[in-house]
Amino acid sequence: MTITVIGATGKVGALVARGLLAEGQRVRALVRDPGRTRDRLGPDSRPEIITGDPGTPADLEAAFRAADAAYVALGSIGLEGNLARLAILAAGRAALPQLVRLSVLNTSPTSVGINQHAHWNIDFAAAAAGIPYATVRPAIFSASLLAAGPEIRASRTWTGLADTGKPGSPTTVTSRTSACASCSIPRPGASTTT
């Protein structure tokens, strides 16, 4: 599979890209600075690097073209929120089979937190775009997320550790693992939140 990562030089995006590469996936990264990408992903990493601007719709569409899935690791406020919306629109125009986006817990149209409300607005834009879409909300993952991989791959959701007595512990590693699981097996027509 070819998976495009938008935000591959960021903290979570770099973890996701490295995790996908470690799984043997073909990773494509749209980046402004190819040298920084090699620094962030490691000198031995072999992503396909597309030099461009995530604020340019044509560059985003080129990055999504012929990809099987994409992971968007961008914030929700200001420039990053606008870039996330542009990525969603470009994914729709490129007929991307699966878009996965980093988000936060407790998003809703009535959220009082600016970040939660902004993420809800981006989720709304993705739903309106009508593309297969999954949201990764790291705050709900536990350190034992690896055990949830089969459920995520099969159903695009994770029911969590309810009724198991195991505590949840959010980490960037579990966020990366969930992102990799969500990207690895796209399900056309599915829109979910994990």
Foldseek 3Di string as FASTA:
>chain_A
DEEEEECCLPDLNVLLLLVLVVVVYAYEYEEQDVVSNCVSNDVPGDHHYDHDDLVDLVSLLVRQAPGQEYEYEFFQDDPRVVSLLSNLLSCLVNLHQEYEYEAAPDADCPDPDPRSPSRNVSLVSNVVSQHHYEYEHQVQAAPVCVVQLVVCLVPVDGPHCPPVPDDGDGDSNSSSVSSSSNGVHGDGRHYYYD
